[in-house]
Each structure stands twice: as C-alpha cells, then as structure tokens.
N, C-alpha and C. Protein backbone atom coordinates (compact mmCIF):
# COMPACT_ATOMS: atom_id res chain seq x y z
N MET A 1 93.49 124.02 114.77
CA MET A 1 92.33 124.47 114.02
C MET A 1 91.83 125.78 114.62
N ILE A 2 91.67 126.79 113.77
CA ILE A 2 91.18 128.08 114.25
C ILE A 2 89.67 128.01 114.40
N ASP A 3 89.19 128.49 115.54
CA ASP A 3 87.76 128.52 115.80
C ASP A 3 87.17 129.71 115.05
N GLU A 4 86.31 129.43 114.07
CA GLU A 4 85.76 130.49 113.24
C GLU A 4 85.00 131.52 114.07
N SER A 5 84.39 131.08 115.15
CA SER A 5 83.60 132.00 115.96
C SER A 5 84.46 133.06 116.64
N ASP A 6 85.76 132.79 116.80
CA ASP A 6 86.67 133.74 117.44
C ASP A 6 87.32 134.69 116.45
N ASN A 7 86.97 134.56 115.19
CA ASN A 7 87.61 135.38 114.15
C ASN A 7 86.55 135.95 113.22
N PRO A 8 86.12 137.18 113.47
CA PRO A 8 85.04 137.78 112.67
C PRO A 8 85.35 137.88 111.18
N GLY A 9 86.65 137.96 110.84
CA GLY A 9 87.01 138.10 109.43
C GLY A 9 87.13 136.80 108.68
N TRP A 10 86.89 135.69 109.37
CA TRP A 10 87.09 134.36 108.78
C TRP A 10 86.24 134.16 107.53
N SER A 11 84.95 134.49 107.61
CA SER A 11 84.05 134.26 106.47
C SER A 11 84.46 135.09 105.27
N ALA A 12 84.83 136.35 105.50
CA ALA A 12 85.25 137.20 104.39
C ALA A 12 86.53 136.70 103.76
N ALA A 13 87.46 136.22 104.61
CA ALA A 13 88.71 135.68 104.09
C ALA A 13 88.46 134.44 103.25
N ARG A 14 87.57 133.60 103.74
CA ARG A 14 87.24 132.38 102.99
C ARG A 14 86.64 132.71 101.64
N GLU A 15 85.77 133.70 101.59
CA GLU A 15 85.14 134.07 100.33
C GLU A 15 86.17 134.67 99.36
N GLY A 16 87.12 135.42 99.91
CA GLY A 16 88.17 135.97 99.05
C GLY A 16 89.02 134.88 98.42
N ILE A 17 89.36 133.88 99.22
CA ILE A 17 90.15 132.76 98.71
C ILE A 17 89.35 131.96 97.69
N ARG A 18 88.08 131.72 98.00
CA ARG A 18 87.22 130.99 97.08
C ARG A 18 87.11 131.73 95.74
N ALA A 19 86.97 133.06 95.81
CA ALA A 19 86.85 133.85 94.57
C ALA A 19 88.11 133.72 93.72
N ALA A 20 89.28 133.71 94.36
CA ALA A 20 90.53 133.58 93.61
C ALA A 20 90.58 132.24 92.88
N PHE A 21 90.21 131.16 93.57
CA PHE A 21 90.19 129.84 92.94
C PHE A 21 89.16 129.78 91.82
N GLU A 22 87.99 130.35 92.05
CA GLU A 22 86.94 130.30 91.02
C GLU A 22 87.35 131.10 89.79
N GLU A 23 88.00 132.24 90.00
CA GLU A 23 88.49 133.03 88.87
C GLU A 23 89.54 132.26 88.09
N SER A 24 90.44 131.58 88.79
CA SER A 24 91.48 130.81 88.13
C SER A 24 90.87 129.68 87.30
N ILE A 25 89.90 129.01 87.88
CA ILE A 25 89.21 127.92 87.15
C ILE A 25 88.52 128.46 85.91
N ALA A 26 87.85 129.62 86.04
CA ALA A 26 87.12 130.20 84.91
C ALA A 26 88.07 130.58 83.78
N VAL A 27 89.22 131.14 84.12
CA VAL A 27 90.19 131.51 83.09
C VAL A 27 90.73 130.27 82.38
N LYS A 28 91.04 129.24 83.14
CA LYS A 28 91.54 128.01 82.53
C LYS A 28 90.46 127.35 81.67
N GLN A 29 89.21 127.42 82.09
CA GLN A 29 88.13 126.88 81.26
C GLN A 29 88.01 127.67 79.97
N ALA A 30 88.20 128.99 80.06
CA ALA A 30 88.16 129.82 78.85
C ALA A 30 89.28 129.45 77.89
N VAL A 31 90.44 129.09 78.43
CA VAL A 31 91.55 128.62 77.60
C VAL A 31 91.13 127.36 76.85
N LEU A 32 90.53 126.42 77.57
CA LEU A 32 90.09 125.17 76.95
C LEU A 32 89.05 125.42 75.87
N ASP A 33 88.12 126.32 76.16
CA ASP A 33 87.03 126.59 75.22
C ASP A 33 87.49 127.39 74.01
N GLY A 34 88.61 128.11 74.16
CA GLY A 34 89.05 128.99 73.09
C GLY A 34 89.98 128.37 72.06
N GLY A 35 90.34 127.12 72.23
CA GLY A 35 91.17 126.45 71.24
C GLY A 35 92.64 126.78 71.29
N ALA A 36 93.12 127.25 72.45
CA ALA A 36 94.53 127.63 72.54
C ALA A 36 95.47 126.44 72.67
N LEU A 37 94.92 125.26 72.89
CA LEU A 37 95.77 124.09 73.12
C LEU A 37 96.60 123.72 71.90
N ASP A 38 96.10 124.01 70.71
CA ASP A 38 96.86 123.68 69.50
C ASP A 38 98.19 124.42 69.46
N ALA A 39 98.23 125.60 70.07
CA ALA A 39 99.48 126.35 70.11
C ALA A 39 100.54 125.57 70.88
N LEU A 40 100.16 124.92 71.95
CA LEU A 40 101.11 124.14 72.74
C LEU A 40 101.62 122.94 71.97
N ILE A 41 100.74 122.32 71.19
CA ILE A 41 101.16 121.18 70.37
C ILE A 41 102.17 121.63 69.32
N GLY A 42 101.88 122.77 68.69
CA GLY A 42 102.81 123.30 67.70
C GLY A 42 104.16 123.64 68.30
N MET A 43 104.15 124.25 69.48
CA MET A 43 105.41 124.55 70.16
C MET A 43 106.17 123.27 70.47
N ALA A 44 105.48 122.27 70.97
CA ALA A 44 106.14 121.01 71.33
C ALA A 44 106.82 120.39 70.12
N GLU A 45 106.17 120.43 68.97
CA GLU A 45 106.76 119.85 67.77
C GLU A 45 108.05 120.55 67.38
N ARG A 46 108.04 121.87 67.44
CA ARG A 46 109.25 122.63 67.09
C ARG A 46 110.36 122.43 68.12
N ILE A 47 109.99 122.34 69.38
CA ILE A 47 110.99 122.12 70.42
C ILE A 47 111.64 120.76 70.26
N VAL A 48 110.85 119.74 69.96
CA VAL A 48 111.40 118.40 69.72
C VAL A 48 112.37 118.44 68.55
N GLU A 49 111.99 119.12 67.48
CA GLU A 49 112.87 119.24 66.32
C GLU A 49 114.18 119.94 66.70
N ALA A 50 114.07 121.00 67.47
CA ALA A 50 115.27 121.75 67.86
C ALA A 50 116.19 120.91 68.73
N LEU A 51 115.63 120.22 69.71
CA LEU A 51 116.44 119.44 70.63
C LEU A 51 117.09 118.24 69.94
N THR A 52 116.37 117.58 69.07
CA THR A 52 116.95 116.42 68.38
C THR A 52 118.03 116.83 67.39
N ALA A 53 118.02 118.10 66.96
CA ALA A 53 119.04 118.61 66.04
C ALA A 53 120.22 119.22 66.79
N GLY A 54 120.21 119.10 68.12
CA GLY A 54 121.31 119.64 68.92
C GLY A 54 121.12 121.07 69.37
N GLY A 55 119.91 121.59 69.21
CA GLY A 55 119.63 122.96 69.62
C GLY A 55 119.18 123.03 71.07
N LYS A 56 118.66 124.20 71.44
CA LYS A 56 118.26 124.43 72.83
C LYS A 56 117.04 125.32 72.89
N VAL A 57 116.47 125.36 74.09
CA VAL A 57 115.33 126.23 74.37
C VAL A 57 115.81 127.36 75.28
N MET A 58 115.55 128.59 74.88
CA MET A 58 115.83 129.74 75.74
C MET A 58 114.50 130.32 76.21
N LEU A 59 114.47 130.78 77.46
CA LEU A 59 113.23 131.31 78.02
C LEU A 59 113.51 132.63 78.73
N CYS A 60 112.56 133.57 78.63
CA CYS A 60 112.76 134.85 79.32
C CYS A 60 111.44 135.48 79.70
N GLY A 61 111.50 136.33 80.71
CA GLY A 61 110.34 137.07 81.19
C GLY A 61 110.78 138.00 82.30
N ASN A 62 109.85 138.70 82.90
CA ASN A 62 110.13 139.64 83.98
C ASN A 62 109.27 139.32 85.20
N GLY A 63 109.83 139.52 86.38
CA GLY A 63 109.07 139.29 87.60
C GLY A 63 108.61 137.85 87.72
N GLY A 64 107.31 137.67 87.91
CA GLY A 64 106.77 136.32 88.01
C GLY A 64 107.00 135.50 86.75
N SER A 65 107.03 136.17 85.61
CA SER A 65 107.28 135.47 84.35
C SER A 65 108.73 135.02 84.24
N ALA A 66 109.66 135.78 84.86
CA ALA A 66 111.05 135.33 84.92
C ALA A 66 111.14 134.08 85.78
N ALA A 67 110.38 134.05 86.87
CA ALA A 67 110.35 132.86 87.71
C ALA A 67 109.77 131.67 86.96
N ASP A 68 108.74 131.90 86.17
CA ASP A 68 108.17 130.83 85.35
C ASP A 68 109.18 130.32 84.33
N ALA A 69 109.94 131.24 83.74
CA ALA A 69 110.97 130.84 82.77
C ALA A 69 112.01 129.95 83.45
N GLN A 70 112.45 130.32 84.64
CA GLN A 70 113.42 129.50 85.37
C GLN A 70 112.81 128.16 85.77
N HIS A 71 111.57 128.19 86.20
CA HIS A 71 110.86 126.98 86.60
C HIS A 71 110.82 125.97 85.46
N LEU A 72 110.41 126.43 84.28
CA LEU A 72 110.28 125.53 83.14
C LEU A 72 111.64 125.07 82.61
N ALA A 73 112.63 125.98 82.64
CA ALA A 73 113.98 125.57 82.23
C ALA A 73 114.50 124.47 83.14
N ALA A 74 114.26 124.58 84.43
CA ALA A 74 114.70 123.55 85.37
C ALA A 74 114.03 122.21 85.08
N GLU A 75 112.75 122.24 84.71
CA GLU A 75 112.06 120.99 84.44
C GLU A 75 112.50 120.36 83.13
N LEU A 76 112.95 121.16 82.19
CA LEU A 76 113.54 120.61 80.97
C LEU A 76 114.93 120.02 81.27
N LEU A 77 115.74 120.78 81.97
CA LEU A 77 117.10 120.34 82.28
C LEU A 77 117.15 119.14 83.21
N VAL A 78 116.27 119.11 84.18
CA VAL A 78 116.30 118.04 85.19
C VAL A 78 115.21 117.03 84.87
N ARG A 79 114.01 117.28 85.32
CA ARG A 79 112.87 116.46 84.92
C ARG A 79 111.60 117.09 85.45
N LEU A 80 110.50 116.72 84.84
CA LEU A 80 109.19 117.24 85.21
C LEU A 80 108.52 116.33 86.23
N ARG A 81 108.54 115.02 85.93
CA ARG A 81 107.81 114.05 86.75
C ARG A 81 108.80 113.13 87.46
N PRO A 82 108.67 113.00 88.78
CA PRO A 82 109.65 112.20 89.52
C PRO A 82 109.67 110.74 89.12
N GLU A 83 108.59 110.25 88.55
CA GLU A 83 108.56 108.84 88.15
C GLU A 83 109.19 108.62 86.78
N VAL A 84 109.56 109.70 86.09
CA VAL A 84 110.19 109.59 84.76
C VAL A 84 111.65 110.00 84.89
N SER A 85 112.52 109.00 84.84
CA SER A 85 113.96 109.27 84.90
C SER A 85 114.50 109.30 83.48
N ARG A 86 115.06 110.44 83.08
CA ARG A 86 115.53 110.56 81.69
C ARG A 86 116.69 111.56 81.64
N ASP A 87 117.31 111.64 80.46
CA ASP A 87 118.38 112.59 80.23
C ASP A 87 117.84 114.02 80.28
N GLY A 88 118.71 114.96 80.50
CA GLY A 88 118.31 116.36 80.49
C GLY A 88 118.04 116.85 79.08
N MET A 89 117.26 117.91 78.99
CA MET A 89 116.96 118.55 77.72
C MET A 89 117.54 119.97 77.78
N ALA A 90 118.22 120.37 76.74
CA ALA A 90 118.97 121.63 76.75
C ALA A 90 118.04 122.84 76.84
N ALA A 91 118.14 123.56 77.94
CA ALA A 91 117.31 124.75 78.15
C ALA A 91 118.06 125.74 79.03
N ILE A 92 117.79 127.01 78.83
CA ILE A 92 118.44 128.05 79.64
C ILE A 92 117.48 129.21 79.85
N ALA A 93 117.30 129.60 81.11
CA ALA A 93 116.53 130.79 81.43
C ALA A 93 117.47 131.99 81.34
N LEU A 94 117.12 133.00 80.59
CA LEU A 94 118.04 134.09 80.30
C LEU A 94 118.22 135.08 81.45
N ALA A 95 117.36 135.02 82.46
CA ALA A 95 117.59 135.81 83.68
C ALA A 95 118.50 134.98 84.57
N MET A 96 119.76 134.83 84.15
CA MET A 96 120.63 133.82 84.75
C MET A 96 121.22 134.23 86.08
N ASP A 97 121.78 135.44 86.17
CA ASP A 97 122.50 135.79 87.39
C ASP A 97 122.50 137.30 87.56
N SER A 98 122.68 137.74 88.79
CA SER A 98 122.62 139.16 89.09
C SER A 98 123.76 139.95 88.45
N SER A 99 124.92 139.33 88.28
CA SER A 99 126.05 140.04 87.68
C SER A 99 125.78 140.39 86.22
N THR A 100 125.29 139.43 85.46
CA THR A 100 124.97 139.68 84.06
C THR A 100 123.86 140.71 83.93
N MET A 101 122.83 140.55 84.74
CA MET A 101 121.68 141.45 84.66
C MET A 101 122.05 142.88 85.03
N THR A 102 122.81 143.04 86.10
CA THR A 102 123.16 144.39 86.52
C THR A 102 124.22 145.01 85.62
N ALA A 103 125.13 144.20 85.08
CA ALA A 103 126.13 144.73 84.15
C ALA A 103 125.46 145.28 82.90
N CYS A 104 124.52 144.52 82.35
CA CYS A 104 123.85 144.98 81.14
C CYS A 104 122.99 146.21 81.43
N SER A 105 122.31 146.20 82.57
CA SER A 105 121.48 147.35 82.93
C SER A 105 122.32 148.59 83.13
N ASN A 106 123.50 148.43 83.70
CA ASN A 106 124.38 149.56 83.97
C ASN A 106 125.11 150.05 82.72
N ASP A 107 125.64 149.12 81.95
CA ASP A 107 126.46 149.48 80.80
C ASP A 107 125.63 149.80 79.56
N PHE A 108 124.49 149.19 79.42
CA PHE A 108 123.60 149.42 78.28
C PHE A 108 122.24 149.87 78.84
N THR A 109 121.25 148.99 78.76
CA THR A 109 119.95 149.23 79.40
C THR A 109 119.36 147.87 79.77
N TYR A 110 118.42 147.87 80.70
CA TYR A 110 117.74 146.62 81.04
C TYR A 110 116.96 146.09 79.85
N GLU A 111 116.47 147.02 79.03
CA GLU A 111 115.70 146.60 77.85
C GLU A 111 116.55 145.79 76.87
N ALA A 112 117.87 145.95 76.91
CA ALA A 112 118.76 145.25 75.98
C ALA A 112 119.19 143.88 76.49
N LEU A 113 118.86 143.55 77.73
CA LEU A 113 119.39 142.33 78.36
C LEU A 113 119.12 141.07 77.56
N TYR A 114 117.88 140.75 77.33
CA TYR A 114 117.56 139.48 76.66
C TYR A 114 117.94 139.50 75.19
N GLU A 115 117.81 140.64 74.57
CA GLU A 115 118.22 140.79 73.17
C GLU A 115 119.70 140.44 73.00
N ARG A 116 120.52 140.97 73.90
CA ARG A 116 121.96 140.73 73.82
C ARG A 116 122.28 139.25 74.05
N MET A 117 121.59 138.64 74.98
CA MET A 117 121.85 137.23 75.28
C MET A 117 121.41 136.32 74.14
N VAL A 118 120.29 136.65 73.52
CA VAL A 118 119.84 135.87 72.36
C VAL A 118 120.85 135.98 71.22
N ALA A 119 121.32 137.20 70.97
CA ALA A 119 122.29 137.41 69.90
C ALA A 119 123.59 136.67 70.16
N THR A 120 123.97 136.55 71.43
CA THR A 120 125.24 135.93 71.80
C THR A 120 125.15 134.43 71.94
N LEU A 121 124.08 133.95 72.56
CA LEU A 121 123.96 132.52 72.89
C LEU A 121 123.12 131.74 71.89
N GLY A 122 122.24 132.42 71.16
CA GLY A 122 121.33 131.72 70.26
C GLY A 122 121.98 131.28 68.97
N ARG A 123 121.43 130.21 68.41
CA ARG A 123 121.88 129.68 67.13
C ARG A 123 120.66 129.38 66.26
N PRO A 124 120.79 129.46 64.93
CA PRO A 124 119.66 129.13 64.07
C PRO A 124 119.09 127.75 64.42
N GLY A 125 117.78 127.67 64.48
CA GLY A 125 117.13 126.42 64.82
C GLY A 125 116.81 126.29 66.30
N ASP A 126 117.40 127.15 67.15
CA ASP A 126 117.03 127.16 68.57
C ASP A 126 115.60 127.67 68.72
N VAL A 127 115.12 127.65 69.96
CA VAL A 127 113.78 128.14 70.28
C VAL A 127 113.90 129.20 71.37
N LEU A 128 113.15 130.29 71.24
CA LEU A 128 113.03 131.28 72.30
C LEU A 128 111.57 131.35 72.73
N LEU A 129 111.32 131.14 74.02
CA LEU A 129 109.98 131.30 74.57
C LEU A 129 109.97 132.56 75.44
N GLY A 130 109.27 133.58 74.97
CA GLY A 130 109.11 134.81 75.74
C GLY A 130 107.82 134.76 76.52
N ILE A 131 107.88 135.09 77.80
CA ILE A 131 106.70 135.04 78.66
C ILE A 131 106.39 136.46 79.14
N SER A 132 105.17 136.92 78.86
CA SER A 132 104.75 138.26 79.25
C SER A 132 103.24 138.27 79.43
N THR A 133 102.78 138.66 80.60
CA THR A 133 101.33 138.66 80.83
C THR A 133 100.62 139.71 79.99
N SER A 134 101.32 140.76 79.61
CA SER A 134 100.70 141.83 78.82
C SER A 134 101.09 141.78 77.34
N GLY A 135 102.24 141.20 77.04
CA GLY A 135 102.76 141.24 75.68
C GLY A 135 103.44 142.56 75.36
N ARG A 136 103.66 143.36 76.40
CA ARG A 136 104.25 144.69 76.19
C ARG A 136 105.59 144.86 76.91
N SER A 137 106.24 143.79 77.26
CA SER A 137 107.54 143.86 77.92
C SER A 137 108.61 144.17 76.87
N VAL A 138 109.22 145.34 76.99
CA VAL A 138 110.14 145.81 75.95
C VAL A 138 111.32 144.85 75.77
N ASN A 139 111.90 144.39 76.87
CA ASN A 139 113.08 143.52 76.74
C ASN A 139 112.71 142.18 76.12
N VAL A 140 111.53 141.66 76.42
CA VAL A 140 111.10 140.40 75.80
C VAL A 140 110.85 140.60 74.31
N ASN A 141 110.20 141.69 73.95
CA ASN A 141 109.91 141.93 72.54
C ASN A 141 111.18 142.18 71.72
N ARG A 142 112.15 142.86 72.32
CA ARG A 142 113.43 143.05 71.62
C ARG A 142 114.13 141.70 71.43
N ALA A 143 114.00 140.82 72.40
CA ALA A 143 114.60 139.49 72.27
C ALA A 143 113.91 138.69 71.16
N LEU A 144 112.58 138.79 71.09
CA LEU A 144 111.85 138.07 70.05
C LEU A 144 112.26 138.57 68.66
N ARG A 145 112.43 139.88 68.52
CA ARG A 145 112.88 140.43 67.23
C ARG A 145 114.27 139.93 66.87
N MET A 146 115.17 139.95 67.84
CA MET A 146 116.53 139.48 67.61
C MET A 146 116.53 138.01 67.22
N ALA A 147 115.69 137.23 67.88
CA ALA A 147 115.61 135.79 67.58
C ALA A 147 115.21 135.57 66.12
N ARG A 148 114.23 136.31 65.67
CA ARG A 148 113.80 136.16 64.28
C ARG A 148 114.93 136.51 63.31
N GLU A 149 115.69 137.53 63.63
CA GLU A 149 116.81 137.91 62.76
C GLU A 149 117.88 136.84 62.70
N HIS A 150 117.95 136.00 63.73
CA HIS A 150 118.97 134.95 63.80
C HIS A 150 118.43 133.56 63.46
N GLY A 151 117.25 133.48 62.90
CA GLY A 151 116.70 132.18 62.50
C GLY A 151 116.30 131.30 63.67
N ILE A 152 115.91 131.92 64.77
CA ILE A 152 115.50 131.20 65.97
C ILE A 152 113.97 131.22 66.04
N HIS A 153 113.36 130.08 66.31
CA HIS A 153 111.91 130.00 66.42
C HIS A 153 111.44 130.86 67.60
N THR A 154 110.37 131.64 67.40
CA THR A 154 109.87 132.51 68.46
C THR A 154 108.50 132.06 68.94
N PHE A 155 108.42 131.78 70.23
CA PHE A 155 107.17 131.40 70.88
C PHE A 155 106.88 132.39 72.00
N ALA A 156 105.61 132.52 72.36
CA ALA A 156 105.25 133.43 73.45
C ALA A 156 104.09 132.89 74.26
N PHE A 157 104.19 133.05 75.56
CA PHE A 157 103.08 132.86 76.49
C PHE A 157 102.61 134.27 76.86
N LEU A 158 101.37 134.59 76.55
CA LEU A 158 100.87 135.95 76.70
C LEU A 158 99.53 135.98 77.42
N GLY A 159 99.03 137.20 77.65
CA GLY A 159 97.71 137.37 78.23
C GLY A 159 96.99 138.51 77.53
N GLY A 160 95.72 138.69 77.86
CA GLY A 160 94.94 139.78 77.29
C GLY A 160 94.85 139.71 75.78
N ASP A 161 95.20 140.83 75.12
CA ASP A 161 95.15 140.87 73.66
C ASP A 161 96.47 140.45 73.01
N GLY A 162 97.43 140.04 73.84
CA GLY A 162 98.72 139.59 73.31
C GLY A 162 99.74 140.70 73.12
N GLY A 163 99.28 141.95 73.10
CA GLY A 163 100.20 143.08 72.97
C GLY A 163 101.08 142.99 71.73
N GLU A 164 102.22 143.65 71.78
CA GLU A 164 103.16 143.65 70.67
C GLU A 164 103.79 142.29 70.44
N SER A 165 103.88 141.50 71.48
CA SER A 165 104.52 140.20 71.37
C SER A 165 103.80 139.27 70.40
N LEU A 166 102.50 139.45 70.27
CA LEU A 166 101.70 138.54 69.45
C LEU A 166 102.22 138.49 68.01
N ALA A 167 102.55 139.65 67.46
CA ALA A 167 103.03 139.70 66.08
C ALA A 167 104.47 139.25 65.94
N LEU A 168 105.19 139.14 67.06
CA LEU A 168 106.60 138.75 67.03
C LEU A 168 106.80 137.25 67.26
N ALA A 169 105.72 136.56 67.58
CA ALA A 169 105.81 135.13 67.89
C ALA A 169 105.33 134.28 66.72
N ASP A 170 106.13 133.28 66.38
CA ASP A 170 105.69 132.31 65.36
C ASP A 170 104.46 131.56 65.85
N ILE A 171 104.46 131.24 67.15
CA ILE A 171 103.32 130.58 67.79
C ILE A 171 103.12 131.25 69.14
N ALA A 172 101.87 131.60 69.46
CA ALA A 172 101.57 132.25 70.74
C ALA A 172 100.45 131.50 71.47
N PHE A 173 100.63 131.35 72.77
CA PHE A 173 99.60 130.82 73.66
C PHE A 173 99.09 132.03 74.45
N VAL A 174 97.85 132.41 74.20
CA VAL A 174 97.31 133.63 74.79
C VAL A 174 96.19 133.29 75.78
N VAL A 175 96.36 133.75 77.01
CA VAL A 175 95.36 133.53 78.06
C VAL A 175 94.35 134.68 78.00
N PRO A 176 93.06 134.38 77.86
CA PRO A 176 92.06 135.45 77.71
C PRO A 176 91.70 136.12 79.03
N SER A 177 92.66 136.82 79.60
CA SER A 177 92.44 137.54 80.85
C SER A 177 93.45 138.68 80.92
N ALA A 178 93.05 139.77 81.56
CA ALA A 178 93.96 140.89 81.78
C ALA A 178 94.43 140.95 83.22
N VAL A 179 94.06 139.96 84.02
CA VAL A 179 94.46 139.91 85.43
C VAL A 179 95.77 139.14 85.53
N THR A 180 96.83 139.83 85.94
CA THR A 180 98.17 139.25 85.91
C THR A 180 98.26 137.91 86.63
N SER A 181 97.72 137.82 87.84
CA SER A 181 97.84 136.57 88.60
C SER A 181 97.12 135.42 87.92
N ARG A 182 95.96 135.70 87.33
CA ARG A 182 95.22 134.63 86.65
C ARG A 182 95.96 134.18 85.38
N VAL A 183 96.58 135.12 84.68
CA VAL A 183 97.35 134.77 83.49
C VAL A 183 98.54 133.91 83.88
N GLN A 184 99.25 134.29 84.93
CA GLN A 184 100.42 133.53 85.37
C GLN A 184 100.04 132.11 85.78
N GLU A 185 98.89 131.97 86.42
CA GLU A 185 98.45 130.62 86.83
C GLU A 185 98.19 129.74 85.62
N ALA A 186 97.62 130.32 84.58
CA ALA A 186 97.39 129.55 83.35
C ALA A 186 98.71 129.28 82.62
N HIS A 187 99.63 130.23 82.68
CA HIS A 187 100.93 130.05 82.03
C HIS A 187 101.68 128.86 82.60
N ILE A 188 101.71 128.72 83.90
CA ILE A 188 102.50 127.62 84.47
C ILE A 188 101.82 126.28 84.20
N THR A 189 100.49 126.26 84.14
CA THR A 189 99.80 125.02 83.76
C THR A 189 100.14 124.66 82.31
N ALA A 190 100.11 125.67 81.44
CA ALA A 190 100.46 125.44 80.04
C ALA A 190 101.91 124.99 79.91
N GLY A 191 102.79 125.60 80.71
CA GLY A 191 104.20 125.23 80.67
C GLY A 191 104.43 123.79 81.08
N HIS A 192 103.75 123.36 82.12
CA HIS A 192 103.87 121.97 82.55
C HIS A 192 103.36 121.01 81.46
N ALA A 193 102.24 121.38 80.83
CA ALA A 193 101.70 120.55 79.76
C ALA A 193 102.68 120.49 78.58
N LEU A 194 103.29 121.63 78.26
CA LEU A 194 104.25 121.68 77.15
C LEU A 194 105.47 120.83 77.43
N VAL A 195 106.05 120.98 78.61
CA VAL A 195 107.24 120.18 78.96
C VAL A 195 106.90 118.69 78.97
N GLY A 196 105.73 118.35 79.51
CA GLY A 196 105.32 116.95 79.53
C GLY A 196 105.19 116.37 78.14
N LEU A 197 104.63 117.15 77.21
CA LEU A 197 104.47 116.67 75.83
C LEU A 197 105.82 116.49 75.15
N VAL A 198 106.71 117.45 75.34
CA VAL A 198 108.06 117.33 74.77
C VAL A 198 108.76 116.10 75.33
N GLU A 199 108.68 115.93 76.64
CA GLU A 199 109.30 114.78 77.30
C GLU A 199 108.77 113.47 76.74
N ASP A 200 107.45 113.38 76.61
CA ASP A 200 106.84 112.13 76.10
C ASP A 200 107.28 111.83 74.67
N ARG A 201 107.35 112.87 73.83
CA ARG A 201 107.70 112.63 72.43
C ARG A 201 109.17 112.27 72.27
N LEU A 202 110.03 112.88 73.06
CA LEU A 202 111.45 112.53 72.98
C LEU A 202 111.69 111.13 73.51
N LEU A 203 111.01 110.75 74.56
CA LEU A 203 111.15 109.40 75.09
C LEU A 203 110.61 108.37 74.10
N ALA A 204 109.45 108.65 73.51
CA ALA A 204 108.86 107.71 72.56
C ALA A 204 109.73 107.53 71.32
N GLY A 205 110.43 108.60 70.93
CA GLY A 205 111.30 108.52 69.77
C GLY A 205 112.68 107.98 70.07
N GLY A 206 112.93 107.68 71.32
CA GLY A 206 114.24 107.16 71.71
C GLY A 206 115.34 108.19 71.70
N HIS A 207 114.98 109.47 71.73
CA HIS A 207 115.99 110.54 71.66
C HIS A 207 116.60 110.83 73.02
N ILE A 208 115.90 110.50 74.09
CA ILE A 208 116.43 110.62 75.44
C ILE A 208 116.14 109.33 76.19
N GLY A 209 117.01 108.98 77.12
CA GLY A 209 116.81 107.74 77.85
C GLY A 209 116.75 107.97 79.34
C-alpha cells in the first residue's frame, strides 16, 4: 500500500482517475437516456437471421476499434460467458493478419483493405459491423458501401454525429460523445450486450447447443 503522505501527486492522480470513470458513466447514461438501445435489438435480430441461414458476421475498424472488432468476433466464435457452453457462431474480424494488411496497403491502398475483403468474403445476407468512433474512417466507409452493393446488412458502432458512416448503415448505434476513449468504452459495453442477446436468442431457438 502506497502511503499517500509520501506522494504529493496522489490526490491529483486520484481525481484524474475519478474524472475518467465519471465521464464514462455519464456517457453511458446518455446512451440509456437517448434511446439507442433499440438499435442493438434490431442488429441482434438481423444477426440471428443471418446466422440461422448459414451466413456470418464480419467486423472491422481501426486502432482500438480494430481491437474491439477482434474482441467481439472472438466472443461470437468462442463464447461470451464462461457459464454458457455452446456452439460457435460464424464471425470474422477483417483485420486478420499482417500479411494481408500490408499486401493490400502496398499493392493497392490501406483504404481499400476492408472493401476488398468484403467483396471477396461476403455473401448476400451476411452482416458487416463497421466500428468507428468518428464515422469518418475511409476504409470502414468503403467497406460499408461495398457491403450494400453485395446485399450484405450494414451496421455501425459510431460516436459524435455519426459522420459519413451514419448514412451507410442500415442500423447505427451512436454514442453521444466526441471523446474517443469514452466512445470506445461504450462501444465494448454495447458489443457485449449485442453478443449476449444474439447468444440468448439462438440458444432459446435451439439453433446452437
């Protein structure tokens, strides 16, 4: 245990940490008050339809949002809750490996990465979830456009005003904040809720065991 009296910066550090938690709580409360939860229910319904028809969920983002895409894909493929043992659900994070990413960036552009993968791997009836805290990620938006051209459902986790992604998503979950870290914290909470809802509905329908 650190003795607070021996560390003059302790109180300031504590207040900084407290402020971060309070800001995160306030943003999540704003999500609850703003009626954004219906978007997650709508996404869950479409994902259940896609998975029961033999389709898959594709996810993409950049930086922390790429990590969130991988995080949620893993929870679909493996499981969300350790007490729930069930079959995997078909999902793929499009930031798959360094060879694919660097080849596309070198031979084409980084902006074309997700678009190319959607065009190659996607099938009508699949789902694409694009994650962008600003809604202005060029590669995510190009992927959303490509998905629409291929009959793939387009969903987005966004922040702020939703940016360009808002108009490209069939359903969007928008966090009312322009602070990247606060948006990401709400995104992963929303993602966990979404995966949990999909898992519950597939289990209840006997589609996974």
